[in-house]
Amino acid sequence: QVQLVESGGGLVQPGGSLRLSCAASGSTLSINAMAWYRQAPGKERELVAAVTSGGILNYADSVKGRFTISRDNAKNTVYLQMNSLKPEDTAVYYCNAETMVVPGHLYDYWGQGTQVTVSS
């Protein structure tokens, strides 16, 4: 079992910045990769950024150059630094952890989500 708790969301003006945090607890040694997803009203949940167990980073084209994902393995925490925010970034942001409980068997855990609203 892995528990994920997001924090750092809020209201920010266009062009502003926010830093999201996701703290993992439980069977954290089983986590292979962590990621941030987001879901806007009426839209599908989409991948924003991910960091693999090998430290490889992956970003959605819409956030490249503006968002940065990072992790602190000692604290079992992943961060999403969001700069130059746009109204279209408004969404509920979800933390995701991919685990391998047994070899070859992957399972995803999700946080409760944190609201990010970009508006003037």
N, C-alpha and C. Protein backbone atom coordinates (compact mmCIF):
# COMPACT_ATOMS: atom_id res chain seq x y z
N GLN A 1 0.83 -1.19 0.00
CA GLN A 1 0.00 0.00 0.00
C GLN A 1 0.87 1.25 0.00
N VAL A 2 0.51 2.20 -0.84
CA VAL A 2 1.18 3.48 -0.92
C VAL A 2 0.12 4.57 -0.77
N GLN A 3 0.42 5.54 0.05
CA GLN A 3 -0.46 6.69 0.21
C GLN A 3 0.24 7.92 -0.35
N LEU A 4 -0.51 8.73 -1.09
CA LEU A 4 0.02 9.94 -1.71
C LEU A 4 -0.81 11.13 -1.27
N VAL A 5 -0.13 12.18 -0.83
CA VAL A 5 -0.80 13.38 -0.38
C VAL A 5 -0.21 14.57 -1.11
N GLU A 6 -1.04 15.25 -1.90
CA GLU A 6 -0.60 16.43 -2.64
C GLU A 6 -0.85 17.69 -1.82
N SER A 7 -0.04 18.70 -2.10
CA SER A 7 -0.23 20.01 -1.49
C SER A 7 0.38 21.06 -2.40
N GLY A 8 0.04 22.30 -2.16
CA GLY A 8 0.63 23.41 -2.89
C GLY A 8 -0.25 24.06 -3.92
N GLY A 9 -1.42 23.51 -4.16
CA GLY A 9 -2.32 24.11 -5.12
C GLY A 9 -2.92 25.40 -4.60
N GLY A 10 -3.56 26.12 -5.49
CA GLY A 10 -4.18 27.37 -5.11
C GLY A 10 -4.52 28.23 -6.30
N LEU A 11 -4.80 29.48 -6.02
CA LEU A 11 -5.15 30.46 -7.04
C LEU A 11 -3.94 31.33 -7.35
N VAL A 12 -3.65 31.47 -8.62
CA VAL A 12 -2.50 32.27 -9.04
C VAL A 12 -2.86 33.02 -10.32
N GLN A 13 -2.27 34.18 -10.50
CA GLN A 13 -2.51 34.97 -11.70
C GLN A 13 -1.71 34.44 -12.88
N PRO A 14 -2.18 34.68 -14.09
CA PRO A 14 -1.40 34.27 -15.26
C PRO A 14 0.02 34.82 -15.20
N GLY A 15 0.97 33.97 -15.55
CA GLY A 15 2.37 34.33 -15.46
C GLY A 15 3.01 34.02 -14.13
N GLY A 16 2.21 33.65 -13.16
CA GLY A 16 2.71 33.34 -11.84
C GLY A 16 3.25 31.93 -11.74
N SER A 17 3.63 31.56 -10.52
CA SER A 17 4.25 30.26 -10.27
C SER A 17 3.62 29.58 -9.07
N LEU A 18 3.64 28.27 -9.10
CA LEU A 18 3.24 27.44 -7.98
C LEU A 18 4.15 26.24 -7.92
N ARG A 19 4.32 25.71 -6.73
CA ARG A 19 5.09 24.49 -6.54
C ARG A 19 4.23 23.47 -5.83
N LEU A 20 3.95 22.37 -6.51
CA LEU A 20 3.18 21.29 -5.94
C LEU A 20 4.11 20.25 -5.31
N SER A 21 3.65 19.67 -4.22
CA SER A 21 4.40 18.62 -3.55
C SER A 21 3.52 17.39 -3.40
N CYS A 22 4.14 16.24 -3.47
CA CYS A 22 3.45 14.97 -3.27
C CYS A 22 4.30 14.11 -2.37
N ALA A 23 3.80 13.85 -1.18
CA ALA A 23 4.52 13.03 -0.21
C ALA A 23 3.97 11.62 -0.23
N ALA A 24 4.85 10.66 -0.40
CA ALA A 24 4.47 9.25 -0.43
C ALA A 24 4.80 8.59 0.89
N SER A 25 3.94 7.70 1.30
CA SER A 25 4.17 6.93 2.51
C SER A 25 3.69 5.50 2.29
N GLY A 26 4.04 4.63 3.21
CA GLY A 26 3.69 3.23 3.08
C GLY A 26 4.84 2.45 2.47
N SER A 27 4.54 1.64 1.48
CA SER A 27 5.54 0.80 0.83
C SER A 27 6.29 1.58 -0.24
N THR A 28 6.99 2.60 0.18
CA THR A 28 7.63 3.51 -0.78
C THR A 28 8.78 2.86 -1.54
N LEU A 29 9.37 1.82 -1.00
CA LEU A 29 10.47 1.16 -1.69
C LEU A 29 9.99 0.46 -2.95
N SER A 30 8.70 0.24 -3.08
CA SER A 30 8.16 -0.42 -4.25
C SER A 30 7.89 0.54 -5.41
N ILE A 31 8.07 1.84 -5.21
CA ILE A 31 7.76 2.83 -6.23
C ILE A 31 8.85 2.84 -7.29
N ASN A 32 8.43 2.68 -8.54
CA ASN A 32 9.35 2.73 -9.67
C ASN A 32 9.40 4.11 -10.31
N ALA A 33 8.25 4.76 -10.41
CA ALA A 33 8.19 6.05 -11.06
C ALA A 33 7.08 6.87 -10.42
N MET A 34 7.19 8.18 -10.53
CA MET A 34 6.16 9.06 -10.05
C MET A 34 5.85 10.09 -11.12
N ALA A 35 4.63 10.58 -11.09
CA ALA A 35 4.18 11.47 -12.15
C ALA A 35 3.11 12.41 -11.63
N TRP A 36 2.90 13.46 -12.39
CA TRP A 36 1.80 14.38 -12.17
C TRP A 36 0.86 14.33 -13.36
N TYR A 37 -0.41 14.17 -13.07
CA TYR A 37 -1.47 14.25 -14.06
C TYR A 37 -2.37 15.42 -13.72
N ARG A 38 -3.18 15.83 -14.67
CA ARG A 38 -4.17 16.86 -14.39
C ARG A 38 -5.44 16.58 -15.16
N GLN A 39 -6.53 17.09 -14.63
CA GLN A 39 -7.82 16.93 -15.27
C GLN A 39 -8.61 18.22 -15.14
N ALA A 40 -8.92 18.81 -16.27
CA ALA A 40 -9.75 20.00 -16.31
C ALA A 40 -11.21 19.59 -16.44
N PRO A 41 -12.14 20.45 -16.04
CA PRO A 41 -13.56 20.11 -16.15
C PRO A 41 -13.96 19.70 -17.56
N GLY A 42 -14.63 18.56 -17.67
CA GLY A 42 -15.09 18.08 -18.95
C GLY A 42 -14.04 17.47 -19.84
N LYS A 43 -12.82 17.32 -19.34
CA LYS A 43 -11.74 16.78 -20.15
C LYS A 43 -11.15 15.53 -19.52
N GLU A 44 -10.42 14.79 -20.34
CA GLU A 44 -9.76 13.58 -19.87
C GLU A 44 -8.55 13.93 -19.01
N ARG A 45 -8.24 13.04 -18.09
CA ARG A 45 -7.03 13.19 -17.31
C ARG A 45 -5.82 12.99 -18.23
N GLU A 46 -4.83 13.87 -18.11
CA GLU A 46 -3.68 13.81 -18.98
C GLU A 46 -2.39 13.85 -18.18
N LEU A 47 -1.37 13.22 -18.73
CA LEU A 47 -0.05 13.23 -18.12
C LEU A 47 0.57 14.61 -18.28
N VAL A 48 1.10 15.15 -17.20
CA VAL A 48 1.78 16.43 -17.22
C VAL A 48 3.29 16.23 -17.23
N ALA A 49 3.78 15.45 -16.28
CA ALA A 49 5.21 15.21 -16.16
C ALA A 49 5.43 13.93 -15.39
N ALA A 50 6.54 13.27 -15.66
CA ALA A 50 6.86 12.02 -14.99
C ALA A 50 8.36 11.91 -14.79
N VAL A 51 8.74 11.20 -13.76
CA VAL A 51 10.14 10.88 -13.51
C VAL A 51 10.22 9.39 -13.24
N THR A 52 11.05 8.69 -13.99
CA THR A 52 11.18 7.25 -13.85
C THR A 52 12.15 6.91 -12.73
N SER A 53 12.22 5.62 -12.44
CA SER A 53 13.14 5.16 -11.41
C SER A 53 14.59 5.44 -11.77
N GLY A 54 14.88 5.55 -13.06
CA GLY A 54 16.22 5.86 -13.52
C GLY A 54 16.50 7.34 -13.63
N GLY A 55 15.55 8.17 -13.23
CA GLY A 55 15.74 9.61 -13.27
C GLY A 55 15.43 10.25 -14.61
N ILE A 56 14.80 9.51 -15.51
CA ILE A 56 14.44 10.05 -16.81
C ILE A 56 13.16 10.88 -16.68
N LEU A 57 13.18 12.07 -17.27
CA LEU A 57 12.06 12.99 -17.18
C LEU A 57 11.24 12.98 -18.46
N ASN A 58 9.95 13.16 -18.31
CA ASN A 58 9.04 13.20 -19.43
C ASN A 58 8.01 14.29 -19.18
N TYR A 59 7.75 15.13 -20.19
CA TYR A 59 6.82 16.24 -20.06
C TYR A 59 5.84 16.25 -21.21
N ALA A 60 4.63 16.69 -20.91
CA ALA A 60 3.69 16.98 -21.97
C ALA A 60 4.19 18.18 -22.76
N ASP A 61 3.92 18.17 -24.06
CA ASP A 61 4.37 19.27 -24.90
C ASP A 61 3.85 20.62 -24.42
N SER A 62 2.67 20.64 -23.86
CA SER A 62 2.05 21.88 -23.44
C SER A 62 2.74 22.54 -22.25
N VAL A 63 3.57 21.80 -21.53
CA VAL A 63 4.22 22.35 -20.34
C VAL A 63 5.72 22.39 -20.45
N LYS A 64 6.29 21.88 -21.53
CA LYS A 64 7.74 21.89 -21.69
C LYS A 64 8.29 23.31 -21.63
N GLY A 65 9.35 23.47 -20.87
CA GLY A 65 9.95 24.77 -20.71
C GLY A 65 9.35 25.60 -19.60
N ARG A 66 8.20 25.19 -19.08
CA ARG A 66 7.53 25.94 -18.02
C ARG A 66 7.46 25.16 -16.71
N PHE A 67 7.28 23.84 -16.80
CA PHE A 67 7.15 23.00 -15.62
C PHE A 67 8.41 22.16 -15.43
N THR A 68 8.71 21.86 -14.19
CA THR A 68 9.84 21.01 -13.86
C THR A 68 9.43 20.01 -12.79
N ILE A 69 9.63 18.73 -13.07
CA ILE A 69 9.36 17.71 -12.08
C ILE A 69 10.69 17.30 -11.44
N SER A 70 10.66 17.08 -10.16
CA SER A 70 11.84 16.65 -9.44
C SER A 70 11.42 15.75 -8.29
N ARG A 71 12.37 15.03 -7.75
CA ARG A 71 12.07 14.13 -6.65
C ARG A 71 13.17 14.16 -5.62
N ASP A 72 12.77 13.91 -4.40
CA ASP A 72 13.68 13.77 -3.28
C ASP A 72 13.44 12.39 -2.71
N ASN A 73 14.28 11.45 -3.08
CA ASN A 73 14.08 10.07 -2.66
C ASN A 73 14.18 9.91 -1.14
N ALA A 74 15.03 10.70 -0.52
CA ALA A 74 15.18 10.61 0.93
C ALA A 74 13.89 10.98 1.65
N LYS A 75 13.14 11.90 1.07
CA LYS A 75 11.89 12.34 1.67
C LYS A 75 10.67 11.68 1.04
N ASN A 76 10.89 10.81 0.06
CA ASN A 76 9.79 10.16 -0.66
C ASN A 76 8.80 11.19 -1.18
N THR A 77 9.32 12.23 -1.78
CA THR A 77 8.50 13.34 -2.23
C THR A 77 8.85 13.71 -3.66
N VAL A 78 7.82 14.01 -4.44
CA VAL A 78 8.00 14.50 -5.79
C VAL A 78 7.39 15.89 -5.87
N TYR A 79 8.01 16.75 -6.66
CA TYR A 79 7.58 18.13 -6.77
C TYR A 79 7.26 18.46 -8.22
N LEU A 80 6.42 19.44 -8.39
CA LEU A 80 6.16 20.00 -9.71
C LEU A 80 6.24 21.51 -9.59
N GLN A 81 7.32 22.07 -10.12
CA GLN A 81 7.48 23.51 -10.17
C GLN A 81 6.83 24.03 -11.44
N MET A 82 5.85 24.90 -11.29
CA MET A 82 5.08 25.40 -12.41
C MET A 82 5.32 26.90 -12.53
N ASN A 83 5.91 27.30 -13.64
CA ASN A 83 6.19 28.70 -13.91
C ASN A 83 5.42 29.15 -15.14
N SER A 84 5.32 30.45 -15.30
CA SER A 84 4.63 31.04 -16.45
C SER A 84 3.26 30.41 -16.65
N LEU A 85 2.51 30.32 -15.59
CA LEU A 85 1.22 29.64 -15.64
C LEU A 85 0.23 30.37 -16.53
N LYS A 86 -0.58 29.57 -17.20
CA LYS A 86 -1.60 30.06 -18.11
C LYS A 86 -2.97 29.61 -17.64
N PRO A 87 -4.02 30.33 -18.04
CA PRO A 87 -5.37 29.90 -17.65
C PRO A 87 -5.68 28.45 -18.04
N GLU A 88 -5.13 27.99 -19.16
CA GLU A 88 -5.38 26.63 -19.59
C GLU A 88 -4.70 25.58 -18.72
N ASP A 89 -3.85 26.02 -17.79
CA ASP A 89 -3.27 25.10 -16.83
C ASP A 89 -4.22 24.80 -15.67
N THR A 90 -5.33 25.51 -15.62
CA THR A 90 -6.30 25.30 -14.55
C THR A 90 -6.84 23.87 -14.60
N ALA A 91 -6.71 23.16 -13.50
CA ALA A 91 -7.14 21.77 -13.42
C ALA A 91 -6.93 21.26 -12.01
N VAL A 92 -7.44 20.08 -11.76
CA VAL A 92 -7.08 19.35 -10.56
C VAL A 92 -5.84 18.53 -10.91
N TYR A 93 -4.81 18.68 -10.12
CA TYR A 93 -3.55 17.99 -10.36
C TYR A 93 -3.44 16.80 -9.41
N TYR A 94 -3.13 15.65 -9.99
CA TYR A 94 -3.06 14.41 -9.24
C TYR A 94 -1.64 13.83 -9.26
N CYS A 95 -1.19 13.40 -8.13
CA CYS A 95 0.07 12.70 -8.02
C CYS A 95 -0.15 11.21 -8.29
N ASN A 96 0.78 10.60 -8.99
CA ASN A 96 0.69 9.19 -9.35
C ASN A 96 2.00 8.49 -9.00
N ALA A 97 1.88 7.29 -8.47
CA ALA A 97 3.04 6.47 -8.18
C ALA A 97 2.85 5.09 -8.80
N GLU A 98 3.84 4.66 -9.56
CA GLU A 98 3.82 3.33 -10.16
C GLU A 98 4.67 2.41 -9.31
N THR A 99 4.07 1.32 -8.88
CA THR A 99 4.77 0.39 -8.01
C THR A 99 4.88 -0.98 -8.67
N MET A 100 5.84 -1.74 -8.19
CA MET A 100 6.00 -3.12 -8.61
C MET A 100 6.03 -3.98 -7.35
N VAL A 101 4.88 -4.56 -7.03
CA VAL A 101 4.78 -5.35 -5.81
C VAL A 101 5.41 -6.71 -5.98
N VAL A 102 5.35 -7.27 -7.18
CA VAL A 102 6.04 -8.49 -7.55
C VAL A 102 6.65 -8.27 -8.92
N PRO A 103 7.70 -9.00 -9.27
CA PRO A 103 8.33 -8.79 -10.56
C PRO A 103 7.34 -8.88 -11.72
N GLY A 104 7.33 -7.84 -12.56
CA GLY A 104 6.48 -7.81 -13.72
C GLY A 104 5.06 -7.38 -13.48
N HIS A 105 4.68 -7.09 -12.25
CA HIS A 105 3.32 -6.70 -11.92
C HIS A 105 3.31 -5.26 -11.42
N LEU A 106 2.77 -4.36 -12.24
CA LEU A 106 2.73 -2.94 -11.91
C LEU A 106 1.36 -2.54 -11.38
N TYR A 107 1.37 -1.57 -10.47
CA TYR A 107 0.13 -1.06 -9.91
C TYR A 107 0.30 0.43 -9.63
N ASP A 108 -0.71 1.20 -10.01
CA ASP A 108 -0.68 2.65 -9.85
C ASP A 108 -1.49 3.10 -8.64
N TYR A 109 -0.92 4.04 -7.89
CA TYR A 109 -1.62 4.70 -6.80
C TYR A 109 -1.81 6.17 -7.14
N TRP A 110 -2.88 6.73 -6.59
CA TRP A 110 -3.23 8.12 -6.89
C TRP A 110 -3.47 8.91 -5.62
N GLY A 111 -3.07 10.17 -5.65
CA GLY A 111 -3.40 11.08 -4.58
C GLY A 111 -4.81 11.61 -4.74
N GLN A 112 -5.24 12.41 -3.78
CA GLN A 112 -6.60 12.92 -3.79
C GLN A 112 -6.80 14.10 -4.74
N GLY A 113 -5.72 14.70 -5.18
CA GLY A 113 -5.78 15.83 -6.08
C GLY A 113 -5.69 17.16 -5.36
N THR A 114 -5.13 18.14 -6.05
CA THR A 114 -5.06 19.49 -5.53
C THR A 114 -5.43 20.46 -6.65
N GLN A 115 -6.28 21.42 -6.34
CA GLN A 115 -6.79 22.34 -7.34
C GLN A 115 -5.79 23.43 -7.64
N VAL A 116 -5.56 23.65 -8.93
CA VAL A 116 -4.76 24.77 -9.40
C VAL A 116 -5.64 25.62 -10.30
N THR A 117 -5.79 26.87 -9.94
CA THR A 117 -6.61 27.80 -10.71
C THR A 117 -5.76 28.98 -11.13
N VAL A 118 -5.68 29.22 -12.43
CA VAL A 118 -4.91 30.33 -12.98
C VAL A 118 -5.90 31.32 -13.56
N SER A 119 -6.04 32.45 -12.92
CA SER A 119 -7.03 33.42 -13.34
C SER A 119 -6.64 34.81 -12.85
N SER A 120 -7.00 35.81 -13.64
CA SER A 120 -6.78 37.19 -13.25
C SER A 120 -7.98 37.76 -12.52
